[in-house]
Structures are given as C-alpha cells and as structure tokens.
Protein backbone atom coordinates (compact mmCIF):
# COMPACT_ATOMS: atom_id res chain seq x y z
CA UNK A 1 110.31 148.18 90.28
CA UNK A 2 111.54 145.77 92.96
CA UNK A 3 112.34 147.42 96.28
CA UNK A 4 115.01 146.31 98.71
CA UNK A 5 114.07 146.58 102.38
CA UNK A 6 117.12 147.29 104.49
CA UNK A 7 115.66 146.19 107.83
CA UNK A 8 116.27 142.59 108.89
CA UNK A 9 113.52 142.64 111.49
CA UNK A 10 110.88 141.01 109.32
CA UNK A 11 113.05 138.07 108.19
CA UNK A 12 116.45 137.70 109.92
CA UNK A 13 117.83 135.48 107.18
CA UNK A 14 120.89 133.30 107.73
CA UNK A 15 121.42 131.42 104.47
CA UNK A 16 123.40 128.25 103.84
CA UNK A 17 122.17 126.77 100.55
CA UNK A 18 123.49 129.69 98.52
CA UNK A 19 126.99 128.88 99.75
CA UNK A 20 126.91 125.83 97.48
CA UNK A 21 128.25 126.22 93.92
CA UNK A 22 126.31 128.44 91.53
CA UNK A 23 125.20 125.49 89.40
CA UNK A 24 122.89 124.41 92.24
CA UNK A 25 120.49 127.27 91.56
CA UNK A 26 119.70 130.37 89.56
CA UNK A 27 119.91 133.73 91.30
CA UNK A 28 116.93 135.96 90.64
CA UNK A 29 114.40 138.06 92.49
CA UNK A 30 110.65 137.42 92.54
CA UNK A 31 108.54 139.16 89.92
CA UNK A 32 106.48 141.99 91.48
CA UNK A 33 102.68 141.81 91.39
CA UNK A 34 100.14 144.52 90.68
CA UNK A 35 98.12 144.91 93.86
CA UNK A 36 99.16 142.66 96.74
CA UNK A 37 96.54 142.04 99.42
CA UNK A 38 97.18 139.94 102.50
CA UNK A 39 94.72 137.04 102.82
CA UNK A 40 96.14 135.18 105.82
CA UNK A 41 99.17 135.07 108.11
CA UNK A 42 99.79 131.96 110.19
CA UNK A 43 100.45 133.70 113.48
CA UNK A 44 101.42 130.59 115.45
CA UNK A 45 103.96 129.52 112.85
CA UNK A 46 105.29 133.06 112.59
CA UNK A 47 106.05 133.10 116.30
CA UNK A 48 107.69 129.66 116.08
CA UNK A 49 109.96 131.13 113.41
CA UNK A 50 110.81 134.06 115.65
CA UNK A 51 108.85 136.47 113.44
CA UNK A 52 106.37 139.15 114.43
CA UNK A 53 102.94 138.57 112.86
CA UNK A 54 102.22 142.30 113.03
CA UNK A 55 105.32 143.09 111.02
CA UNK A 56 104.41 140.44 108.48
CA UNK A 57 100.99 142.07 108.17
CA UNK A 58 102.44 145.55 107.72
CA UNK A 59 102.87 147.10 104.26
CA UNK A 60 106.58 146.23 104.34
CA UNK A 61 105.83 142.64 105.33
CA UNK A 62 103.16 142.22 102.68
CA UNK A 63 105.54 143.55 100.05
CA UNK A 64 108.00 140.77 100.95
CA UNK A 65 105.32 138.07 101.03
CA UNK A 66 104.08 139.18 97.61
CA UNK A 67 107.54 139.27 96.05
CA UNK A 68 107.44 143.06 95.57
CA UNK A 69 110.37 143.66 97.91
CA UNK A 70 113.42 141.69 98.98
CA UNK A 71 114.88 142.01 102.48
CA UNK A 72 118.50 143.02 102.60
CA UNK A 73 119.64 139.67 104.04
CA UNK A 74 117.71 137.63 101.48
CA UNK A 75 119.59 135.91 98.68
CA UNK A 76 116.73 134.74 96.45
CA UNK A 77 117.30 131.72 94.24
CA UNK A 78 115.36 129.16 92.21
CA UNK A 79 116.68 125.69 93.00
CA UNK A 80 117.70 123.21 90.32
CA UNK A 81 116.44 119.64 90.36
CA UNK A 82 115.33 116.82 88.07
CA UNK A 83 112.91 113.97 88.70
CA UNK A 84 110.96 110.94 87.65
CA UNK A 85 107.41 112.03 86.89
CA UNK A 86 105.02 109.06 86.75
CA UNK A 87 108.06 106.86 86.15
CA UNK A 88 109.58 108.88 83.31
CA UNK A 89 112.80 110.76 83.93
CA UNK A 90 112.98 114.49 83.22
CA UNK A 91 116.59 115.67 83.52
CA UNK A 92 115.73 119.28 84.32
CA UNK A 93 112.75 120.51 86.31
CA UNK A 94 113.66 122.98 89.04
CA UNK A 95 111.70 125.72 90.76
CA UNK A 96 109.58 126.91 87.88
CA UNK A 97 107.33 129.10 90.00
CA UNK A 98 109.08 129.34 93.34
CA UNK A 99 111.83 131.44 94.85
CA UNK A 100 113.78 130.49 97.97
CA UNK A 101 114.13 133.80 99.82
CA UNK A 102 116.46 132.39 102.42
CA UNK A 103 116.62 130.56 105.74
CA UNK A 104 115.77 131.48 109.31
CA UNK A 105 116.66 129.69 112.52
CA UNK A 106 113.48 129.20 114.53
CA UNK A 107 113.00 129.52 118.29
CA UNK A 108 113.91 125.85 118.71
CA UNK A 109 117.20 126.30 116.87
CA UNK A 110 115.98 124.56 113.70
CA UNK A 111 116.95 125.99 110.33
CA UNK A 112 113.92 126.51 108.09
CA UNK A 113 113.55 127.58 104.45
CA UNK A 114 111.28 130.48 103.56
CA UNK A 115 110.02 130.08 100.00
CA UNK A 116 107.59 132.07 97.85
CA UNK A 117 105.45 129.86 95.63
CA UNK A 118 103.79 131.52 92.65
CA UNK A 119 106.38 134.29 92.61
CA UNK A 120 106.94 134.48 88.86
CA UNK A 121 108.90 132.74 86.10
CA UNK A 122 112.40 131.40 86.57
CA UNK A 123 114.96 129.80 84.24
CA UNK A 124 113.30 126.47 85.14
CA UNK A 125 109.75 127.48 84.19
CA UNK A 126 109.62 125.51 80.91
CA UNK A 127 107.28 128.05 79.28
CA UNK A 128 105.10 128.29 82.40
CA UNK A 129 103.94 131.62 83.78
CA UNK A 130 105.51 131.04 87.18
CA UNK A 131 102.31 132.04 88.93
CA UNK A 132 99.80 130.28 91.17
CA UNK A 133 96.03 130.57 91.44
CA UNK A 134 94.36 131.46 94.71
CA UNK A 135 92.43 128.18 94.98
CA UNK A 136 95.44 125.82 94.91
CA UNK A 137 97.36 128.16 97.22
CA UNK A 138 94.56 128.06 99.79
CA UNK A 139 94.35 124.31 99.30
CA UNK A 140 98.02 123.85 100.17
CA UNK A 141 97.60 126.14 103.16
CA UNK A 142 94.72 124.18 104.64
CA UNK A 143 96.04 120.70 103.77
CA UNK A 144 99.54 121.31 105.09
CA UNK A 145 98.22 122.81 108.32
CA UNK A 146 95.81 119.89 108.72
CA UNK A 147 98.70 117.45 108.34
CA UNK A 148 100.72 119.38 110.92
CA UNK A 149 97.84 119.19 113.40
CA UNK A 150 97.64 115.42 112.82
CA UNK A 151 101.29 115.14 113.86
CA UNK A 152 102.64 114.27 110.40
CA UNK A 153 105.95 115.80 109.25
CA UNK A 154 105.13 118.42 106.64
CA UNK A 155 106.04 121.68 105.05
CA UNK A 156 103.87 124.46 106.42
CA UNK A 157 102.17 127.58 105.17
CA UNK A 158 103.09 130.94 106.61
CA UNK A 159 101.03 133.34 104.52
CA UNK A 160 98.82 133.83 101.49
CA UNK A 161 98.82 137.06 99.48
CA UNK A 162 96.45 137.79 96.61
CA UNK A 163 98.28 139.40 93.72
CA UNK A 164 95.56 141.53 92.18
CA UNK A 165 96.30 139.76 88.89
CA UNK A 166 94.71 136.85 87.07
CA UNK A 167 96.41 133.68 85.92
CA UNK A 168 95.41 131.79 82.80
CA UNK A 169 94.36 128.20 83.47
CA UNK A 170 91.26 126.53 82.03
CA UNK A 171 89.74 129.94 82.73
CA UNK A 172 91.11 133.18 84.22
CA UNK A 173 91.60 132.79 87.97
CA UNK A 174 92.70 135.16 90.71
CA UNK A 175 96.42 134.87 91.42
CA UNK A 176 98.14 134.42 94.76
CA UNK A 177 101.52 133.78 96.35
CA UNK A 178 102.05 131.22 99.10
CA UNK A 179 104.86 131.58 101.61
CA UNK A 180 105.98 128.04 102.37
CA UNK A 181 108.20 126.91 105.23
CA UNK A 182 110.24 123.70 105.03
CA UNK A 183 113.07 121.99 106.86
CA UNK A 184 114.66 122.38 103.43
CA UNK A 185 113.63 122.03 99.81
CA UNK A 186 116.27 119.45 98.85
CA UNK A 187 114.58 116.55 97.07
CA UNK A 188 115.50 113.18 95.65
CA UNK A 189 115.30 115.01 92.33
CA UNK A 190 117.99 117.45 93.46
CA UNK A 191 120.47 114.58 93.61
CA UNK A 192 119.15 113.23 90.31
CA UNK A 193 119.85 116.56 88.62
CA UNK A 194 123.57 116.19 89.19
CA UNK A 195 123.69 112.42 88.71
CA UNK A 196 122.19 112.86 85.24
CA UNK A 197 125.10 115.16 84.42
CA UNK A 198 127.75 112.89 85.88
CA UNK A 199 128.66 115.66 88.33
CA UNK A 200 130.08 113.58 91.17
CA UNK A 201 131.62 116.58 92.91
CA UNK A 202 128.21 118.24 93.11
CA UNK A 203 126.60 115.06 94.47
CA UNK A 204 129.26 114.88 97.16
CA UNK A 205 128.79 118.54 98.05
CA UNK A 206 125.02 118.10 98.21
CA UNK A 207 125.29 114.95 100.32
CA UNK A 208 127.65 116.68 102.74
CA UNK A 209 125.24 119.62 102.94
CA UNK A 210 122.29 117.33 103.71
CA UNK A 211 124.27 115.47 106.37
CA UNK A 212 125.31 118.70 108.07
CA UNK A 213 121.79 120.14 107.97
CA UNK A 214 119.54 117.13 108.55
CA UNK A 215 121.46 114.00 109.52
CA UNK A 216 124.33 114.98 111.78
CA UNK A 217 124.56 111.42 113.11
CA UNK A 218 125.90 110.33 109.73
CA UNK A 219 128.89 112.67 109.88
CA UNK A 220 130.92 110.48 112.22
CA UNK A 221 129.97 107.15 110.66
CA UNK A 222 132.51 104.87 109.00
CA UNK A 223 130.63 105.35 105.73
CA UNK A 224 128.71 108.64 106.09
CA UNK A 225 126.97 108.31 102.73
CA UNK A 226 125.63 104.84 103.44
CA UNK A 227 124.41 106.09 106.82
CA UNK A 228 122.79 109.05 105.07
CA UNK A 229 120.96 106.66 102.76
CA UNK A 230 119.85 104.51 105.69
CA UNK A 231 118.57 107.50 107.65
CA UNK A 232 116.68 108.96 104.69
CA UNK A 233 115.07 105.57 104.08
CA UNK A 234 114.09 105.23 107.73
CA UNK A 235 112.55 108.68 107.86
CA UNK A 236 110.59 108.10 104.67
CA UNK A 237 109.34 104.72 105.88
CA UNK A 238 107.97 106.32 109.02
CA UNK A 239 106.43 109.19 107.06
CA UNK A 240 104.61 106.91 104.62
CA UNK A 241 103.32 104.81 107.52
CA UNK A 242 101.83 107.95 109.03
CA UNK A 243 100.14 108.76 105.70
CA UNK A 244 98.61 105.30 105.52
CA UNK A 245 97.33 105.43 109.07
CA UNK A 246 95.20 108.52 108.42
CA UNK A 247 94.13 107.64 104.89
CA UNK A 248 96.18 110.34 103.17
CA UNK A 249 96.92 110.08 99.45
CA UNK A 250 99.69 112.34 98.14
CA UNK A 251 98.64 111.99 94.51
CA UNK A 252 101.95 112.83 92.80
CA UNK A 253 104.77 110.88 94.45
CA UNK A 254 107.27 111.86 91.78
CA UNK A 255 110.91 111.85 92.89
CA UNK A 256 110.98 115.63 92.67
CA UNK A 257 108.19 115.63 95.26
CA UNK A 258 110.06 113.52 97.82
CA UNK A 259 111.84 115.59 100.44
CA UNK A 260 115.24 114.41 101.64
CA UNK A 261 114.32 115.86 105.04
CA UNK A 262 111.36 113.47 105.37
CA UNK A 263 108.55 116.00 105.21
CA UNK A 264 105.35 115.84 103.19
CA UNK A 265 105.89 118.34 100.40
CA UNK A 266 104.04 119.65 97.34
CA UNK A 267 100.33 119.46 98.04
CA UNK A 268 98.84 119.18 94.58
CA UNK A 269 95.97 116.75 93.98
CA UNK A 270 96.31 115.19 97.43
CA UNK A 271 93.27 114.02 99.38
CA UNK A 272 92.06 112.02 102.36
CA UNK A 273 90.14 108.80 101.77
CA UNK A 274 86.44 108.84 102.60
CA UNK A 275 85.11 105.33 101.85
CA UNK A 276 88.11 103.09 102.25
CA UNK A 277 89.59 101.11 99.40
CA UNK A 278 93.31 100.49 98.77
CA UNK A 279 92.92 101.31 95.07
CA UNK A 280 91.55 104.79 95.76
CA UNK A 281 92.88 107.49 93.45
CA UNK A 282 91.74 111.12 93.39
CA UNK A 283 94.38 112.80 91.24
CA UNK A 284 93.04 113.72 87.82
CA UNK A 285 96.48 113.14 86.27
CA UNK A 286 97.01 109.65 87.74
CA UNK A 287 95.21 107.77 84.99
CA UNK A 288 96.65 104.34 85.82
CA UNK A 289 96.61 104.48 89.62
CA UNK A 290 100.38 104.57 90.01
CA UNK A 291 100.03 106.65 93.16
CA UNK A 292 96.91 105.00 94.60
CA UNK A 293 96.61 104.84 98.37
CA UNK A 294 97.69 101.20 98.59
CA UNK A 295 100.69 101.75 96.29
CA UNK A 296 102.34 104.49 98.34
CA UNK A 297 104.76 102.28 100.31
CA UNK A 298 105.89 100.51 97.12
CA UNK A 299 106.37 103.80 95.27
CA UNK A 300 108.36 105.20 98.19
CA UNK A 301 110.82 102.30 97.86
CA UNK A 302 111.02 102.89 94.10
CA UNK A 303 111.80 106.56 94.67
CA UNK A 304 114.38 105.75 97.32
CA UNK A 305 116.05 103.33 94.91
CA UNK A 306 116.48 106.26 92.53
CA UNK A 307 118.08 108.21 95.38
CA UNK A 308 120.37 105.29 96.15
CA UNK A 309 121.46 105.19 92.51
CA UNK A 310 122.71 108.77 92.74
CA UNK A 311 124.85 107.88 95.78
CA UNK A 312 126.48 104.75 94.32
CA UNK A 313 129.78 106.47 93.48
CA UNK A 314 129.98 107.68 97.09
CA UNK A 315 129.09 104.37 98.75
CA UNK A 316 132.09 102.35 97.50
CA UNK A 317 134.75 102.49 94.81
CA UNK A 318 133.68 99.12 93.44
CA UNK A 319 130.29 99.37 91.78
CA UNK A 320 129.16 95.88 92.80
CA UNK A 321 130.02 96.62 96.40
CA UNK A 322 128.16 99.92 96.18
CA UNK A 323 125.09 98.20 94.76
CA UNK A 324 125.17 95.64 97.57
CA UNK A 325 125.33 98.41 100.16
CA UNK A 326 122.46 100.26 98.51
CA UNK A 327 120.29 97.16 98.26
CA UNK A 328 120.96 96.35 101.89
CA UNK A 329 119.83 99.79 102.93
CA UNK A 330 116.73 99.64 100.71
CA UNK A 331 115.84 96.24 102.12
CA UNK A 332 115.38 97.82 105.53
CA UNK A 333 112.48 99.97 104.31
CA UNK A 334 109.90 97.20 104.66
CA UNK A 335 110.87 96.36 108.24
CA UNK A 336 110.94 100.00 109.26
CA UNK A 337 107.61 100.75 107.58
CA UNK A 338 105.91 97.66 108.96
CA UNK A 339 107.17 98.33 112.48
CA UNK A 340 105.93 101.92 112.43
CA UNK A 341 102.63 100.91 110.86
CA UNK A 342 102.05 97.98 113.24
CA UNK A 343 102.83 99.97 116.36
CA UNK A 344 100.44 102.75 115.42
CA UNK A 345 97.75 100.38 114.12
CA UNK A 346 97.70 98.59 117.47
CA UNK A 347 97.11 101.94 119.13
CA UNK A 348 94.31 102.68 116.66
CA UNK A 349 92.65 99.40 117.69
CA UNK A 350 93.19 100.01 121.40
CA UNK A 351 95.76 97.25 121.83
CA UNK A 352 98.39 97.91 124.45
CA UNK A 353 100.39 94.69 124.15
CA UNK A 354 101.90 93.20 121.02
CA UNK A 355 100.53 89.77 120.18
CA UNK A 356 100.69 87.54 117.09
CA UNK A 357 97.82 88.10 114.71
CA UNK A 358 97.29 91.77 115.55
CA UNK A 359 98.06 93.07 112.07
CA UNK A 360 96.06 90.28 110.46
CA UNK A 361 93.13 91.40 112.60
CA UNK A 362 93.62 94.98 111.45
CA UNK A 363 93.91 93.93 107.81
CA UNK A 364 90.71 91.93 108.09
CA UNK A 365 88.92 95.04 109.29
CA UNK A 366 90.31 97.02 106.37
CA UNK A 367 89.24 94.34 103.93
CA UNK A 368 85.71 94.40 105.32
CA UNK A 369 85.69 98.19 105.16
CA UNK A 370 86.79 98.08 101.52
CA UNK A 371 84.04 95.63 100.65
CA UNK A 372 81.35 97.65 102.39
CA UNK A 373 82.17 101.28 101.60
CA UNK A 374 82.96 102.08 105.23
CA UNK A 375 84.42 105.48 105.98
CA UNK A 376 88.09 105.17 106.96
CA UNK A 377 88.27 107.92 109.55
CA UNK A 378 84.92 107.38 111.23
CA UNK A 379 85.30 103.61 111.50
CA UNK A 380 88.40 103.95 113.65
CA UNK A 381 87.12 106.95 115.58
CA UNK A 382 83.88 105.21 116.47
CA UNK A 383 85.73 102.10 117.56
CA UNK A 384 87.06 104.26 120.35
CA UNK A 385 83.52 104.97 121.52
CA UNK A 386 82.36 101.38 121.65
CA UNK A 387 81.54 99.95 125.04
CA UNK A 388 80.71 96.34 125.79
CA UNK A 389 77.45 95.12 124.32
CA UNK A 390 75.75 95.20 120.95
CA UNK A 391 74.23 98.64 121.43
CA UNK A 392 77.69 100.16 121.43
CA UNK A 393 78.34 98.77 117.97
CA UNK A 394 75.51 100.59 116.21
CA UNK A 395 77.53 103.68 115.29
CA UNK A 396 80.19 101.58 113.57
CA UNK A 397 77.79 99.08 112.01
CA UNK A 398 75.93 101.93 110.33
CA UNK A 399 79.04 102.73 108.29
CA UNK A 400 79.01 99.30 106.59
CA UNK A 401 76.85 98.52 103.58
CA UNK A 402 76.30 95.09 105.14
CA UNK A 403 76.53 95.69 108.91
CA UNK A 404 76.90 92.00 109.67
CA UNK A 405 80.35 92.22 108.05
CA UNK A 406 81.43 94.19 111.10
CA UNK A 407 79.81 91.89 113.67
CA UNK A 408 82.09 88.89 113.24
CA UNK A 409 85.17 91.08 113.27
CA UNK A 410 83.96 92.94 116.38
CA UNK A 411 83.55 89.65 118.20
CA UNK A 412 87.15 88.66 117.49
CA UNK A 413 88.35 92.18 118.35
CA UNK A 414 86.72 91.96 121.78
CA UNK A 415 88.29 88.57 122.35
CA UNK A 416 91.66 90.12 121.53
CA UNK A 417 91.00 93.04 123.90
CA UNK A 418 90.27 90.55 126.66
CA UNK A 419 93.76 89.10 126.20
CA UNK A 420 95.37 92.53 126.45
CA UNK A 421 95.70 92.62 130.21
CA UNK A 422 93.98 94.84 132.72
CA UNK A 423 93.20 98.09 130.92
CA UNK A 424 90.43 100.35 132.14
CA UNK A 425 87.79 101.13 129.53
CA UNK A 426 88.29 104.87 129.98
CA UNK A 427 92.04 104.51 129.56
CA UNK A 428 91.62 102.52 126.37
CA UNK A 429 89.09 104.97 124.94
CA UNK A 430 91.33 107.95 125.68
CA UNK A 431 94.33 106.23 124.08
CA UNK A 432 92.36 105.40 120.94
CA UNK A 433 90.91 108.88 120.64
CA UNK A 434 94.43 110.31 120.81
CA UNK A 435 95.43 108.52 117.58
CA UNK A 436 92.14 108.29 115.68
CA UNK A 437 91.14 111.75 114.47
CA UNK A 438 87.53 112.84 114.41
CA UNK A 439 88.25 115.53 111.84
CA UNK A 440 90.25 115.36 108.62
CA UNK A 441 90.38 117.69 105.63
CA UNK A 442 87.50 116.01 103.84
CA UNK A 443 87.52 116.70 100.14
CA UNK A 444 83.98 118.06 99.89
CA UNK A 445 84.52 120.45 102.79
CA UNK A 446 87.80 121.71 101.38
CA UNK A 447 86.33 122.24 97.92
CA UNK A 448 83.30 124.07 99.33
CA UNK A 449 85.48 126.37 101.43
CA UNK A 450 87.78 127.14 98.49
CA UNK A 451 84.88 127.80 96.15
CA UNK A 452 83.36 130.34 98.52
CA UNK A 453 86.72 132.02 99.05
CA UNK A 454 87.66 132.23 95.37
CA UNK A 455 84.27 132.91 93.81
CA UNK A 456 82.76 135.14 96.49
CA UNK A 457 85.82 136.52 98.30
CA UNK A 458 84.28 135.10 101.48
CA UNK A 459 86.77 133.35 103.76
CA UNK A 460 84.46 132.48 106.64
CA UNK A 461 84.09 128.83 105.63
CA UNK A 462 87.84 128.58 105.05
CA UNK A 463 88.62 130.02 108.48
CA UNK A 464 86.11 127.80 110.25
CA UNK A 465 87.39 124.66 108.56
CA UNK A 466 90.97 125.64 109.37
CA UNK A 467 90.02 126.08 113.03
CA UNK A 468 88.29 122.69 113.13
CA UNK A 469 91.27 120.95 111.53
CA UNK A 470 93.68 122.51 114.01
CA UNK A 471 92.19 120.22 116.70
CA UNK A 472 91.60 116.94 114.86
CA UNK A 473 91.57 114.66 117.90
CA UNK A 474 89.24 116.73 120.09
CA UNK A 475 85.49 116.61 120.37
CA UNK A 476 84.16 119.91 119.07
CA UNK A 477 80.54 120.44 120.10
CA UNK A 478 78.44 122.06 117.40
CA UNK A 479 80.83 121.01 114.64
CA UNK A 480 79.71 117.44 114.05
CA UNK A 481 78.99 118.12 110.36
CA UNK A 482 82.73 118.46 109.78
CA UNK A 483 83.23 114.86 110.92
CA UNK A 484 80.63 113.06 108.81
CA UNK A 485 81.28 111.56 105.35
CA UNK A 486 79.94 113.34 102.28
CA UNK A 487 76.46 112.65 101.02
CA UNK A 488 76.43 110.99 97.58
CA UNK A 489 75.94 114.31 95.80
CA UNK A 490 78.86 115.83 97.77
CA UNK A 491 81.45 113.18 96.93
CA UNK A 492 84.59 114.56 95.28
CA UNK A 493 85.95 112.00 92.84
CA UNK A 494 88.86 113.96 91.37
CA UNK A 495 91.35 116.48 92.67
CA UNK A 496 93.56 118.64 90.49
CA UNK A 497 97.15 119.77 90.49
CA UNK A 498 96.42 123.47 90.12
CA UNK A 499 99.44 124.28 87.95
C-alpha cells in the first residue's frame, strides 16, 4: 500500500514538466518495495538542494527514496521519449524503470529534477521489470560523483536504498533504487518521440519549455529555435571535449542518452581509459566500436543532427531554408569542440600562451602513448612533476613500453616551454596539477569496491574510493595505490549496462 506523506519538508517540490500536455508522460506512482534500507545519502548534494540529510535518513525520508511513499507535492510521472540506439531508431522508449518525482529549486536558484531509478515498471517498460540491481546503482553513484569532482557537467546521485528484494538478471541480484538529480531529464530522444508522430505542436511546446528552463538567452532571439539549436550544440561540444580530456568513455551514446541540458547522463557501461588508445571500447554491447573513445565527438555531431531534424519545422517555413540553418548550426560543432579541447590541452601540457603547432605536439604525445601502452591519466599527471633534466623524466618514461618514444617528444616539449615566456616552474606545475587529475574512477578499483559491497555487504572499500575520488586533483598521502594503473591480472576489459 503506497502512503502519501503530507509534509513538504523532505522535498519541497515545485513542478513544471507536468504542466506540459499529458501525452508527454504517464502519471503513476513508484511500486513499493519489501524492506527498504538506506545505503547512502549524499549529504553535500542534499544541502545544495536545500534538503536536510537527517530528514532524508529518517523513516519518512527512506520511504520516499524507496518509492514506498509519495510526498504530497510530488506529481510522479514516467517521461516519454524515443531514440536511436546504436544507429537504429526506436520510436518509443521512455522511462521504463524510472519515475520523476518532481522538481526542487536548489540554494543557487537552479531547478533540479528528482528522479527514482529502479522504482518499478511503467507503461514504457517493454516487458522489463522496472527494477535496478544494487551493483549498477552503486556504479552510477560513484561514477557520477567522480565526474562532478572532476568538474564535468553531470547528473548526480542523491541516495541509494536497498529494496530487500532480488532482481532477475543473469543471476538473482539484490535490488536497489537510485535517487538521481539532473538539471532536467529532457533528451534528444524526447524531441524524437514527437517528431516520429508528426506532432509539431508538441515539439514547439517542448522547445519552448527547454528554452525557458535551460536557454533563456534564446527567448529574445530573432529565431529562438535556431538559437536553441546553436546553444545545445555549443554545450554538447564543450561537454564532449571535457570527456576526451580525462579519458572518459560513455559507452552508450544513443540519442536517448544525450541530455538537452548538456549534462553527462545514464552511466551504464561507461569507463575511464587506462592504457590510452583512441579505439578503446569497454562496453560489452558495443560490438563494433561505434562508441569508442575516439569516436565520441563524431557521434555527438550525429546525435545533434538528429536533434536538428526534429526542429526543422520550427527553424523556417521553407524546408530547404530550414536545412541550411540546421547545417550551419551543426557546422559550428567542430570549431567549438576544437577550441575547448585545444584550450584545455594546452593547460594539460603547461602551456600558457597559444602558439602554432601546440595541438600537433599534443597529438604526437597521444600517438606515442597509444603505441606504447602508456596510461592516459598518469602520463599527464606526471608531466606536471617533471623538472629540468633527464632524472625528472623517469616517472613518465616508465609508463612507455619503449621509453625512448617519450624522450624525443620531451625534448620538443621543453623547447616549446622555453618559448612560452617567463613562467616560474612552481607556477607551471601548480597549473598543470589543477587540470590533470591524479585519481580517476579506475575500472578495477570500481569493480572491486562494488563486488565487496554487493557480495559481502561491506561498503568500506566503496566509501574509501568515493572519498578519494572527491578530491581528484589533490595529493592524498597514503592513497597512492588508487592512482596507479591496474596490474595485468586486474585489467577490466568489459563493462556492462546493468539493465
């Protein structure tokens, strides 16, 4: 029996998406679970949302986080959307195991969605059970919080609740519900859902909603919908550049997994690169490498082209004119991506002034890393520690299968540094350390922490790893093992979606 909690103290919802027409979603409450048990509450995020962590941890709060109770101000819905999955269009997907409880306005005045993931079947479940297993829920928690700490736009994780039930996957697994926070859950696939039905009025309503909520600058433009397209493209270009610069692979860049708000969303078989290679794929379902690390910018443009297609009727009355406007906007992706990537890559290499050949120098390093199995994160981090002289190179050289491959590049890098003006060594080192993390969510560490949590109900490794990842750019004495690459027997070669 689902309870309704009258108090608005736990979640002071103020909802806007449910004011859209009923065909945008299905109204339903979460499915209650047998024996909810709080695993974690993200206290810092709770306070940012204006919520009390103690109330969230109370029996009433846990009931909400589990889906066993609905606050009075909540208007729970499952959102409708479509999407291209590995290039093939599916006209109806939707929230098959998620319920949007509502929206809160955080302490900074930003409207944020509160969603339960794993909260039971919905009309969009497509024969799924609507549930989530504890392992994938914990994985999304730790990966999304790691991305946040790295300074990358992302959905975040507010809480994890074990359900006291099992879910049927390859084997029975303990169930859990994740409380996810997002700028919104509108996706490219949300627009595709209505475009596939020829519902122009719904596309216009959705576009107006997105402009009002996320892109207010577009509202006063001569062509608000073209400006919306341009702003979404710009935000995505900058997001993908940030992914590339830390070696992050999303794994399933389907259009239903691309947020219109420009956040990283849907942490399935995602991973961080250990030994660098542009063709790296971890996802067990990406058999042909469509979403490999090096393909992510190209796939982002492909996805954005699908978004542009949905807006064509709004861009201009004449279809040819609309297509020209869309292509013009899409053409700006490369410049925006390359500018964001180049600016940050110079910082990663300790270059303060822009000079011709900088990105070629960076690409040459990447090519040498790819040919020598060098660790992506540690190569850049250890560059920050190098001082003049060969002895300072040893830590980086040791990462290369053939260390001499680094030597020639290091010589040219030092020549470039010498042309960079008067920059104190300490200043350069500090600047490089601020953009080159020492700690990332390495696959073997994540898998080990999840295994201990799920199989042994022991969360100590999970909590320690989470604490380490919350300070990725800091030296953390006594925690050096969290920074080193996996040994051969520890290498994780595949990650899994978890659905």
